[in-house]
Amino acid sequence: MSSQEFVFKQFKISQDKCAMKVGTDAVLLGSWVNTSHAKTILDIGTGTGIIALMLAQKSYARIDAIDIDKNAFEQATENVSFCNWKERIHVYQTSLQQYTLSCNDKYDLIVSNPPYFVDSSKAFEESRTNARHTDQLPFEDLLNGVLRLLNQTGKFYVILPTKESQVFREMAEEQKLFLTKLTRVITRTDKLEKRLLMKFEFTKKTISENSIVIEKDERHTYTDEYKELTKDYYLGF
């Protein structure tokens, strides 16, 4: 399999044009999201389109996917055009800030694998920098977009590193968007948690909390729980 192509069970992702390639964060988030009862979905910062395709596979929803980057837009459009659900997925080249101003719809479900680096060193390539850093999509703008575009009974799903997730959670709860489900992602049993998968809703509830370990002690020997989570997508699981 070419490094410019990633094959899943029901679709294929080309990634030669896109700064951010297929990664574990996107697969975790797309697998973790519960699409039950969602008729409309917004994917913010779609990149290659991987999460939009994952959610299309397990739902009957209409999915809008946005990305500010021209190459990502073209890549996602290409990947959608070859999938089985292309009639239900619409890709737009736009910033969330602009989309929020122009969109009159409300979504049942919003998902984002957003840029999160705030003060770390930046990648040389501009498109990769935009995909990884919060310069063009600060947490404030991400949150404002979700608050504007999410139905009152809707769900917002996001994956962030541990430190950044706490910052975002505090910001969200100040705006009455509450964390209701949390999964701590641990790469190996001998490591600290690396990412948090989070679900937010406008209704405050008791938080459902658990953790998942991706690998056993030997590298690339995956745990049963990770296989179970991703089995509908990864070849070989």
Protein backbone atom coordinates (compact mmCIF):
# COMPACT_ATOMS: atom_id res chain seq x y z
CA MET A 1 0.00 0.00 0.00
CA SER A 2 1.35 3.40 -0.98
CA SER A 3 2.14 5.90 1.78
CA GLN A 4 -0.01 8.29 -0.25
CA GLU A 5 -3.02 6.02 0.17
CA PHE A 6 -4.74 4.44 3.16
CA VAL A 7 -7.24 1.61 2.61
CA PHE A 8 -10.05 0.92 5.07
CA LYS A 9 -12.67 -1.82 4.91
CA GLN A 10 -15.27 0.18 3.01
CA PHE A 11 -13.39 3.16 1.59
CA LYS A 12 -9.97 4.43 0.57
CA ILE A 13 -8.20 7.66 1.53
CA SER A 14 -5.77 9.34 -0.85
CA GLN A 15 -3.53 11.77 1.02
CA ASP A 16 -0.91 12.99 -1.44
CA LYS A 17 -2.24 16.58 -1.46
CA CYS A 18 -3.04 16.94 2.22
CA ALA A 19 -0.59 18.29 4.82
CA MET A 20 -1.99 16.14 7.63
CA LYS A 21 -2.05 12.44 6.79
CA VAL A 22 -4.33 9.76 8.19
CA GLY A 23 -3.53 9.40 11.90
CA THR A 24 -4.65 7.60 15.00
CA ASP A 25 -6.47 10.66 16.40
CA ALA A 26 -8.87 10.79 13.46
CA VAL A 27 -9.50 7.06 13.49
CA LEU A 28 -10.12 7.09 17.24
CA LEU A 29 -12.56 9.98 16.99
CA GLY A 30 -14.43 8.63 13.98
CA SER A 31 -14.77 5.23 15.63
CA TRP A 32 -15.82 6.68 19.01
CA VAL A 33 -18.58 9.01 17.79
CA ASN A 34 -22.12 7.72 18.26
CA THR A 35 -24.19 8.74 15.23
CA SER A 36 -27.51 7.36 16.54
CA HIS A 37 -30.43 9.66 15.73
CA ALA A 38 -28.18 12.15 13.87
CA LYS A 39 -29.75 13.31 10.63
CA THR A 40 -27.29 16.15 10.03
CA ILE A 41 -23.55 16.19 10.80
CA LEU A 42 -20.86 18.87 10.46
CA ASP A 43 -17.18 17.88 10.27
CA ILE A 44 -14.97 20.88 11.11
CA GLY A 45 -11.47 20.75 9.60
CA THR A 46 -12.12 17.65 7.52
CA GLY A 47 -8.58 17.30 6.09
CA THR A 48 -8.59 14.19 3.88
CA GLY A 49 -12.27 13.67 4.69
CA ILE A 50 -11.56 10.59 6.77
CA ILE A 51 -13.93 11.36 9.68
CA ALA A 52 -16.75 12.39 7.35
CA LEU A 53 -16.37 9.07 5.53
CA MET A 54 -16.22 7.10 8.79
CA LEU A 55 -19.42 8.72 10.01
CA ALA A 56 -21.14 8.22 6.66
CA GLN A 57 -20.33 4.51 6.88
CA LYS A 58 -22.21 4.12 10.16
CA SER A 59 -25.12 6.54 9.65
CA TYR A 60 -27.72 7.74 7.19
CA ALA A 61 -27.02 11.38 7.95
CA ARG A 62 -26.36 14.26 5.58
CA ILE A 63 -22.77 15.32 6.26
CA ASP A 64 -21.24 18.72 5.59
CA ALA A 65 -17.44 18.82 5.78
CA ILE A 66 -15.44 22.06 5.82
CA ASP A 67 -11.76 22.96 5.57
CA ILE A 68 -10.03 26.28 5.01
CA ASP A 69 -7.10 24.73 3.13
CA LYS A 70 -7.45 24.44 -0.66
CA ASN A 71 -5.43 21.24 -0.91
CA ALA A 72 -7.40 19.59 1.90
CA PHE A 73 -10.66 20.63 0.22
CA GLU A 74 -9.53 19.10 -3.08
CA GLN A 75 -8.31 15.95 -1.35
CA ALA A 76 -11.51 15.45 0.63
CA THR A 77 -13.62 16.12 -2.47
CA GLU A 78 -11.65 13.48 -4.35
CA ASN A 79 -11.98 10.91 -1.57
CA VAL A 80 -15.70 11.53 -1.22
CA SER A 81 -16.21 11.16 -4.98
CA PHE A 82 -14.99 7.55 -4.84
CA CYS A 83 -16.94 6.44 -1.75
CA ASN A 84 -20.30 4.68 -1.50
CA TRP A 85 -21.98 7.61 0.27
CA LYS A 86 -20.99 10.53 -1.96
CA GLU A 87 -24.62 11.69 -2.36
CA ARG A 88 -24.78 12.40 1.40
CA ILE A 89 -21.42 14.18 1.87
CA HIS A 90 -20.82 17.78 0.83
CA VAL A 91 -17.35 19.35 1.11
CA TYR A 92 -16.80 23.11 1.30
CA GLN A 93 -13.63 25.20 1.25
CA THR A 94 -14.25 27.73 3.99
CA SER A 95 -13.17 28.72 7.46
CA LEU A 96 -15.43 27.85 10.37
CA GLN A 97 -15.67 31.56 11.15
CA GLN A 98 -17.07 32.32 7.69
CA TYR A 99 -19.26 29.23 7.64
CA THR A 100 -20.79 30.20 10.96
CA LEU A 101 -21.77 33.59 9.55
CA SER A 102 -23.30 32.19 6.35
CA CYS A 103 -24.91 28.94 7.51
CA ASN A 104 -28.55 28.97 8.62
CA ASP A 105 -28.66 25.28 9.51
CA LYS A 106 -28.43 23.63 12.91
CA TYR A 107 -26.72 20.27 13.22
CA ASP A 108 -27.62 17.20 15.27
CA LEU A 109 -23.94 16.31 15.58
CA ILE A 110 -20.71 18.27 15.16
CA VAL A 111 -17.29 16.64 15.15
CA SER A 112 -13.78 18.06 15.02
CA ASN A 113 -10.19 16.85 15.16
CA PRO A 114 -8.99 20.45 15.51
CA PRO A 115 -5.59 22.16 15.50
CA TYR A 116 -4.39 22.41 19.08
CA PHE A 117 -0.79 23.62 19.31
CA VAL A 118 -0.72 27.09 20.86
CA ASP A 119 2.87 27.84 21.86
CA SER A 120 4.98 25.01 20.43
CA SER A 121 7.37 25.37 17.48
CA LYS A 122 5.64 25.56 14.12
CA ALA A 123 6.09 23.35 11.07
CA PHE A 124 7.85 24.98 8.14
CA GLU A 125 5.13 24.08 5.64
CA GLU A 126 2.29 26.61 5.94
CA SER A 127 -0.57 24.17 5.30
CA ARG A 128 0.77 21.76 7.91
CA THR A 129 1.15 24.64 10.37
CA ASN A 130 -2.46 25.67 9.81
CA ALA A 131 -3.62 22.09 10.33
CA ARG A 132 -1.72 21.71 13.61
CA HIS A 133 -1.76 25.16 15.23
CA THR A 134 -4.66 27.25 16.52
CA ASP A 135 -3.71 30.45 14.67
CA GLN A 136 -6.58 30.22 12.15
CA LEU A 137 -8.99 28.33 14.42
CA PRO A 138 -8.54 29.45 18.04
CA PHE A 139 -10.49 27.50 20.63
CA GLU A 140 -12.72 30.55 21.11
CA ASP A 141 -13.75 30.47 17.44
CA LEU A 142 -14.23 26.70 17.46
CA LEU A 143 -16.45 26.97 20.51
CA ASN A 144 -18.41 29.92 19.12
CA GLY A 145 -19.03 28.00 15.90
CA VAL A 146 -20.30 24.97 17.81
CA LEU A 147 -22.54 27.12 20.00
CA ARG A 148 -24.04 28.75 16.92
CA LEU A 149 -24.45 25.64 14.75
CA LEU A 150 -25.39 22.86 17.19
CA ASN A 151 -29.01 21.92 17.89
CA GLN A 152 -30.11 22.32 21.52
CA THR A 153 -30.32 18.52 21.76
CA GLY A 154 -27.19 18.01 19.65
CA LYS A 155 -23.82 16.52 20.49
CA PHE A 156 -20.31 17.86 19.88
CA TYR A 157 -17.40 15.41 19.70
CA VAL A 158 -13.74 16.42 19.81
CA ILE A 159 -10.29 14.93 20.48
CA LEU A 160 -7.53 16.98 22.15
CA PRO A 161 -4.30 16.46 24.10
CA THR A 162 -4.72 16.32 27.87
CA LYS A 163 -3.54 19.86 28.65
CA GLU A 164 -5.51 21.52 25.86
CA SER A 165 -8.62 19.50 26.63
CA GLN A 166 -8.83 20.97 30.12
CA VAL A 167 -8.59 24.49 28.71
CA PHE A 168 -11.30 23.77 26.15
CA ARG A 169 -13.57 22.10 28.71
CA GLU A 170 -13.40 25.11 31.01
CA MET A 171 -14.18 27.45 28.13
CA ALA A 172 -17.10 25.29 26.97
CA GLU A 173 -18.67 24.95 30.41
CA GLU A 174 -18.50 28.72 30.90
CA GLN A 175 -20.78 28.88 27.84
CA LYS A 176 -23.10 26.16 29.22
CA LEU A 177 -21.81 23.45 26.91
CA PHE A 178 -21.11 20.54 29.25
CA LEU A 179 -18.82 17.52 29.07
CA THR A 180 -20.98 14.37 29.26
CA LYS A 181 -18.63 11.62 28.09
CA LEU A 182 -14.86 11.25 28.37
CA THR A 183 -12.45 8.55 27.19
CA ARG A 184 -8.80 8.83 28.17
CA VAL A 185 -6.51 7.56 25.42
CA ILE A 186 -3.31 5.79 26.54
CA THR A 187 -0.88 4.67 23.85
CA ARG A 188 0.63 1.88 26.00
CA THR A 189 0.16 0.63 29.54
CA ASP A 190 3.50 2.12 30.60
CA LYS A 191 2.60 5.59 29.27
CA LEU A 192 0.53 8.47 30.58
CA GLU A 193 -2.68 9.44 28.83
CA LYS A 194 -2.02 11.25 25.56
CA ARG A 195 -5.43 12.34 24.27
CA LEU A 196 -8.95 12.85 25.56
CA LEU A 197 -12.01 11.96 23.52
CA MET A 198 -14.82 14.25 24.69
CA LYS A 199 -18.53 14.61 24.05
CA PHE A 200 -20.30 17.87 24.95
CA GLU A 201 -24.02 18.68 25.24
CA PHE A 202 -26.12 21.64 26.33
CA THR A 203 -27.71 19.55 29.09
CA LYS A 204 -25.56 18.90 32.17
CA LYS A 205 -25.35 15.21 33.09
CA THR A 206 -23.23 12.84 35.12
CA ILE A 207 -20.03 12.34 33.10
CA SER A 208 -19.52 8.87 31.66
CA GLU A 209 -15.78 8.25 31.96
CA ASN A 210 -13.44 5.44 30.89
CA SER A 211 -10.07 4.84 29.23
CA ILE A 212 -8.65 2.89 26.33
CA VAL A 213 -5.13 1.54 25.78
CA ILE A 214 -4.06 1.30 22.14
CA GLU A 215 -1.03 -1.00 22.25
CA LYS A 216 0.24 -3.77 24.47
CA ASP A 217 3.86 -3.66 25.63
CA GLU A 218 5.17 -4.73 22.22
CA ARG A 219 4.94 -2.02 19.61
CA HIS A 220 2.08 -2.45 17.11
CA THR A 221 0.55 -5.30 19.07
CA TYR A 222 -2.87 -3.83 19.61
CA THR A 223 -5.15 -4.37 22.57
CA ASP A 224 -8.49 -6.12 22.23
CA GLU A 225 -10.32 -2.94 23.27
CA TYR A 226 -8.69 -0.91 20.51
CA LYS A 227 -9.45 -3.62 17.96
CA GLU A 228 -13.06 -3.70 19.11
CA LEU A 229 -13.41 0.07 18.78
CA THR A 230 -11.92 0.25 15.28
CA LYS A 231 -12.89 -3.13 13.81
CA ASP A 232 -15.45 -1.69 11.39
CA TYR A 233 -12.70 0.30 9.68
CA TYR A 234 -9.22 -1.18 9.95
CA LEU A 235 -8.25 -4.04 7.69
CA GLY A 236 -7.11 -7.02 9.72
CA PHE A 237 -9.14 -6.24 12.85
